[in-house]
Amino acid sequence: MIGDSRSFPGYPMRDRRWWVRPEQEYQAERPVEPRVEEPREAPPSDRAAALEAELVDRDRRLREALTREREARLEVDLARQRLERDARKEVERSRRELVVALLPVLDDLDRAIGAARDRGEAEALVTGVEHVRSGFLDRLRGFGVERFDPTGQKFDPARHEAVYTVPASELHRSGLIVKTLRNGYVTDGETIRAAQVIVAGPDSRSLL
């Protein structure tokens, strides 16, 4: 019988049929496969702590990003305001320069009207020139420019330019403007051209 050592004295025999061999002997001859260890999971408390730390870090980075965004937006707003302010100043400066350059034309119209009246020119001609001057002044008012005649007012060096003085009398106290030789102009309360005037000076007959 195969597998029976008693059939051949002196020659031990082993039965290699797995279906008749003891289970322990069969398992012992099987190659041992390497054991792969499963990754050990961190305890729930450690995972929660790691997630909490990551959440805190992301929240910090978000706040920093929002702060940088607000600062950048503020810088843009300030830059835009500066540009708008500078642009308005430049427009205002250019407008004033243009107005000041045109004022001599009004001076010429004033002189032409005065000379025409002194010579007794035709009333129709004088009236026509006055209409031209009036239209010119209307255009200036549209730009916020106003004309002023300070005759009878107290002399103000910020608004008036004294060409010369005359002795004060009972009619004109010292420091008052006796006559306006050239009208002045203002815009937004600021003088863009001072009025040329004659001022009453100190005199023993002054009523002051």
Protein backbone atom coordinates (compact mmCIF):
# COMPACT_ATOMS: atom_id res chain seq x y z
CA MET A 1 0.00 0.00 0.00
CA ILE A 2 1.35 3.32 -0.98
CA GLY A 3 2.27 5.43 1.99
CA ASP A 4 2.60 2.46 4.30
CA SER A 5 6.26 2.16 5.50
CA ARG A 6 5.63 -1.30 6.64
CA SER A 7 5.60 -2.57 3.03
CA PHE A 8 9.33 -1.70 2.67
CA PRO A 9 11.26 -2.42 5.83
CA GLY A 10 14.13 -0.03 6.47
CA TYR A 11 12.73 2.62 4.06
CA PRO A 12 10.34 5.05 5.65
CA MET A 13 7.70 6.26 3.21
CA ARG A 14 5.59 9.44 3.30
CA ASP A 15 2.25 9.75 1.68
CA ARG A 16 2.17 13.10 -0.21
CA ARG A 17 -1.44 12.97 -1.21
CA TRP A 18 -2.85 16.09 0.38
CA TRP A 19 -6.29 14.70 0.67
CA VAL A 20 -5.09 11.88 2.89
CA ARG A 21 -2.36 13.80 4.82
CA PRO A 22 -3.01 15.36 8.17
CA GLU A 23 -4.07 19.06 7.89
CA GLN A 24 -1.22 20.19 10.14
CA GLU A 25 1.42 18.57 7.94
CA TYR A 26 -0.10 20.03 4.77
CA GLN A 27 -0.21 23.56 6.22
CA ALA A 28 3.41 23.23 7.35
CA GLU A 29 4.61 22.59 3.80
CA ARG A 30 2.69 25.56 2.25
CA PRO A 31 4.89 28.59 1.53
CA VAL A 32 4.46 31.29 4.13
CA GLU A 33 3.09 34.48 2.60
CA PRO A 34 4.43 37.77 4.02
CA ARG A 35 2.01 39.43 6.34
CA VAL A 36 0.94 42.88 5.39
CA GLU A 37 0.07 44.96 8.36
CA GLU A 38 -2.96 47.18 8.03
CA PRO A 39 -2.28 50.87 8.67
CA ARG A 40 -3.14 51.71 12.17
CA GLU A 41 -5.74 54.40 12.48
CA ALA A 42 -5.11 57.26 14.83
CA PRO A 43 -7.34 57.41 17.85
CA PRO A 44 -10.48 59.51 17.36
CA SER A 45 -9.23 62.15 19.82
CA ASP A 46 -6.01 62.68 17.80
CA ARG A 47 -7.91 63.02 14.51
CA ALA A 48 -10.26 65.57 16.03
CA ALA A 49 -7.32 67.60 17.35
CA ALA A 50 -5.62 67.56 13.92
CA LEU A 51 -8.80 68.67 12.17
CA GLU A 52 -9.31 71.44 14.71
CA ALA A 53 -5.75 72.70 14.18
CA GLU A 54 -6.20 72.67 10.41
CA LEU A 55 -9.50 74.56 10.73
CA VAL A 56 -7.87 77.21 12.92
CA ASP A 57 -5.01 77.62 10.42
CA ARG A 58 -7.37 77.99 7.46
CA ASP A 59 -9.49 80.49 9.37
CA ARG A 60 -6.36 82.54 10.13
CA ARG A 61 -5.28 82.51 6.47
CA LEU A 62 -8.79 83.54 5.40
CA ARG A 63 -8.80 86.50 7.78
CA GLU A 64 -5.37 87.58 6.51
CA ALA A 65 -6.57 87.36 2.90
CA LEU A 66 -9.67 89.42 3.70
CA THR A 67 -7.53 92.03 5.47
CA ARG A 68 -5.21 92.30 2.46
CA GLU A 69 -8.21 92.65 0.18
CA ARG A 70 -9.69 95.48 2.29
CA GLU A 71 -6.35 97.28 2.38
CA ALA A 72 -5.94 96.95 -1.38
CA ARG A 73 -9.49 98.19 -1.97
CA LEU A 74 -8.87 101.16 0.35
CA GLU A 75 -5.66 102.06 -1.50
CA VAL A 76 -7.52 101.93 -4.82
CA ASP A 77 -10.29 104.17 -3.45
CA LEU A 78 -7.78 106.67 -2.09
CA ALA A 79 -5.87 106.70 -5.37
CA ARG A 80 -9.11 107.27 -7.31
CA GLN A 81 -10.08 110.12 -5.00
CA ARG A 82 -6.67 111.74 -5.42
CA LEU A 83 -6.92 111.45 -9.19
CA GLU A 84 -10.43 112.90 -9.22
CA ARG A 85 -9.37 115.74 -6.91
CA ASP A 86 -6.31 116.51 -9.03
CA ALA A 87 -8.44 116.37 -12.19
CA ARG A 88 -10.95 118.83 -10.73
CA LYS A 89 -8.16 121.16 -9.69
CA GLU A 90 -6.65 120.98 -13.16
CA VAL A 91 -10.00 121.68 -14.81
CA GLU A 92 -10.60 124.61 -12.44
CA ARG A 93 -7.14 126.01 -13.07
CA SER A 94 -7.57 125.76 -16.84
CA ARG A 95 -11.00 127.38 -16.64
CA ARG A 96 -9.68 130.30 -14.63
CA GLU A 97 -6.77 130.80 -16.98
CA LEU A 98 -9.20 130.89 -19.91
CA VAL A 99 -11.50 133.36 -18.16
CA VAL A 100 -8.63 135.64 -17.16
CA ALA A 101 -7.38 135.57 -20.76
CA LEU A 102 -10.83 136.68 -22.00
CA LEU A 103 -11.39 139.47 -19.46
CA PRO A 104 -9.45 142.07 -21.48
CA VAL A 105 -12.09 141.66 -24.19
CA LEU A 106 -14.71 142.82 -21.69
CA ASP A 107 -12.47 145.70 -20.70
CA ASP A 108 -12.30 146.76 -24.35
CA LEU A 109 -16.09 146.57 -24.63
CA ASP A 110 -16.47 148.73 -21.52
CA ARG A 111 -14.08 151.32 -22.89
CA ALA A 112 -15.77 151.28 -26.29
CA ILE A 113 -19.19 151.87 -24.72
CA GLY A 114 -17.85 154.69 -22.54
CA ALA A 115 -16.10 156.38 -25.45
CA ALA A 116 -19.14 156.05 -27.68
CA ARG A 117 -21.38 157.70 -25.08
CA ASP A 118 -18.86 160.51 -24.52
CA ARG A 119 -18.75 161.26 -28.27
CA GLY A 120 -22.49 161.01 -28.64
CA GLU A 121 -22.38 158.04 -30.98
CA ALA A 122 -25.60 156.62 -32.33
CA GLU A 123 -27.65 155.03 -29.58
CA ALA A 124 -28.29 151.95 -31.69
CA LEU A 125 -24.55 151.28 -31.98
CA VAL A 126 -24.00 151.73 -28.26
CA THR A 127 -26.96 149.49 -27.47
CA GLY A 128 -25.62 146.79 -29.79
CA VAL A 129 -22.23 146.79 -28.08
CA GLU A 130 -23.92 146.65 -24.68
CA HIS A 131 -25.85 143.57 -25.81
CA VAL A 132 -22.58 141.92 -26.81
CA ARG A 133 -21.09 142.72 -23.40
CA SER A 134 -24.20 141.45 -21.64
CA GLY A 135 -24.06 138.15 -23.55
CA PHE A 136 -20.39 137.80 -22.69
CA LEU A 137 -21.13 138.30 -18.98
CA ASP A 138 -23.93 135.74 -19.15
CA ARG A 139 -21.50 133.18 -20.54
CA LEU A 140 -19.08 133.91 -17.71
CA ARG A 141 -21.81 133.50 -15.11
CA GLY A 142 -22.50 130.11 -16.63
CA PHE A 143 -18.93 129.22 -15.60
CA GLY A 144 -19.55 130.54 -12.09
CA VAL A 145 -17.73 133.84 -12.71
CA GLU A 146 -19.25 137.03 -11.31
CA ARG A 147 -18.29 140.63 -12.02
CA PHE A 148 -18.19 143.20 -9.21
CA ASP A 149 -17.86 146.97 -8.89
CA PRO A 150 -16.59 147.89 -5.38
CA THR A 151 -17.23 151.64 -5.59
CA GLY A 152 -18.18 152.95 -2.14
CA GLN A 153 -16.86 149.87 -0.33
CA LYS A 154 -14.00 149.63 2.15
CA PHE A 155 -10.70 148.96 0.43
CA ASP A 156 -9.64 145.31 0.67
CA PRO A 157 -6.18 144.49 -0.69
CA ALA A 158 -7.28 140.87 -1.31
CA ARG A 159 -10.00 142.03 -3.72
CA HIS A 160 -8.93 145.49 -4.82
CA GLU A 161 -5.88 147.03 -6.47
CA ALA A 162 -5.35 150.70 -5.56
CA VAL A 163 -4.09 152.59 -8.59
CA TYR A 164 -3.78 155.85 -6.63
CA THR A 165 -5.41 157.73 -3.75
CA VAL A 166 -7.20 161.04 -3.39
CA PRO A 167 -7.70 163.13 -0.26
CA ALA A 168 -10.70 162.07 1.75
CA SER A 169 -13.59 164.48 1.97
CA GLU A 170 -16.92 164.68 3.71
CA LEU A 171 -18.36 162.52 0.93
CA HIS A 172 -15.57 159.93 0.92
CA ARG A 173 -14.13 158.73 4.17
CA SER A 174 -10.54 157.55 4.38
CA GLY A 175 -10.12 154.01 3.14
CA LEU A 176 -13.24 153.98 0.99
CA ILE A 177 -13.14 153.35 -2.74
CA VAL A 178 -13.95 156.52 -4.62
CA LYS A 179 -14.08 155.13 -8.14
CA THR A 180 -13.65 151.81 -9.94
CA LEU A 181 -11.38 152.00 -12.98
CA ARG A 182 -11.60 148.32 -13.89
CA ASN A 183 -14.13 145.85 -12.56
CA GLY A 184 -13.06 142.78 -10.65
CA TYR A 185 -14.15 139.14 -11.05
CA VAL A 186 -14.70 136.33 -8.57
CA THR A 187 -15.57 132.63 -8.79
CA ASP A 188 -16.66 130.46 -5.86
CA GLY A 189 -15.95 133.39 -3.54
CA GLU A 190 -12.33 133.65 -4.71
CA THR A 191 -11.00 136.66 -6.57
CA ILE A 192 -9.55 135.74 -9.95
CA ARG A 193 -8.87 139.38 -10.90
CA ALA A 194 -8.76 142.29 -8.50
CA ALA A 195 -10.64 145.48 -9.29
CA GLN A 196 -8.52 148.55 -10.02
CA VAL A 197 -9.75 151.40 -7.87
CA ILE A 198 -9.13 154.92 -6.61
CA VAL A 199 -9.08 155.09 -2.81
CA ALA A 200 -9.71 158.02 -0.50
CA GLY A 201 -6.60 158.60 1.63
CA PRO A 202 -6.16 160.13 5.09
CA ASP A 203 -7.09 163.81 5.29
CA SER A 204 -7.72 166.29 8.07
CA ARG A 205 -11.25 166.75 6.72
CA SER A 206 -11.98 162.99 7.09
CA LEU A 207 -15.05 162.22 9.12
CA LEU A 208 -13.28 159.26 10.81
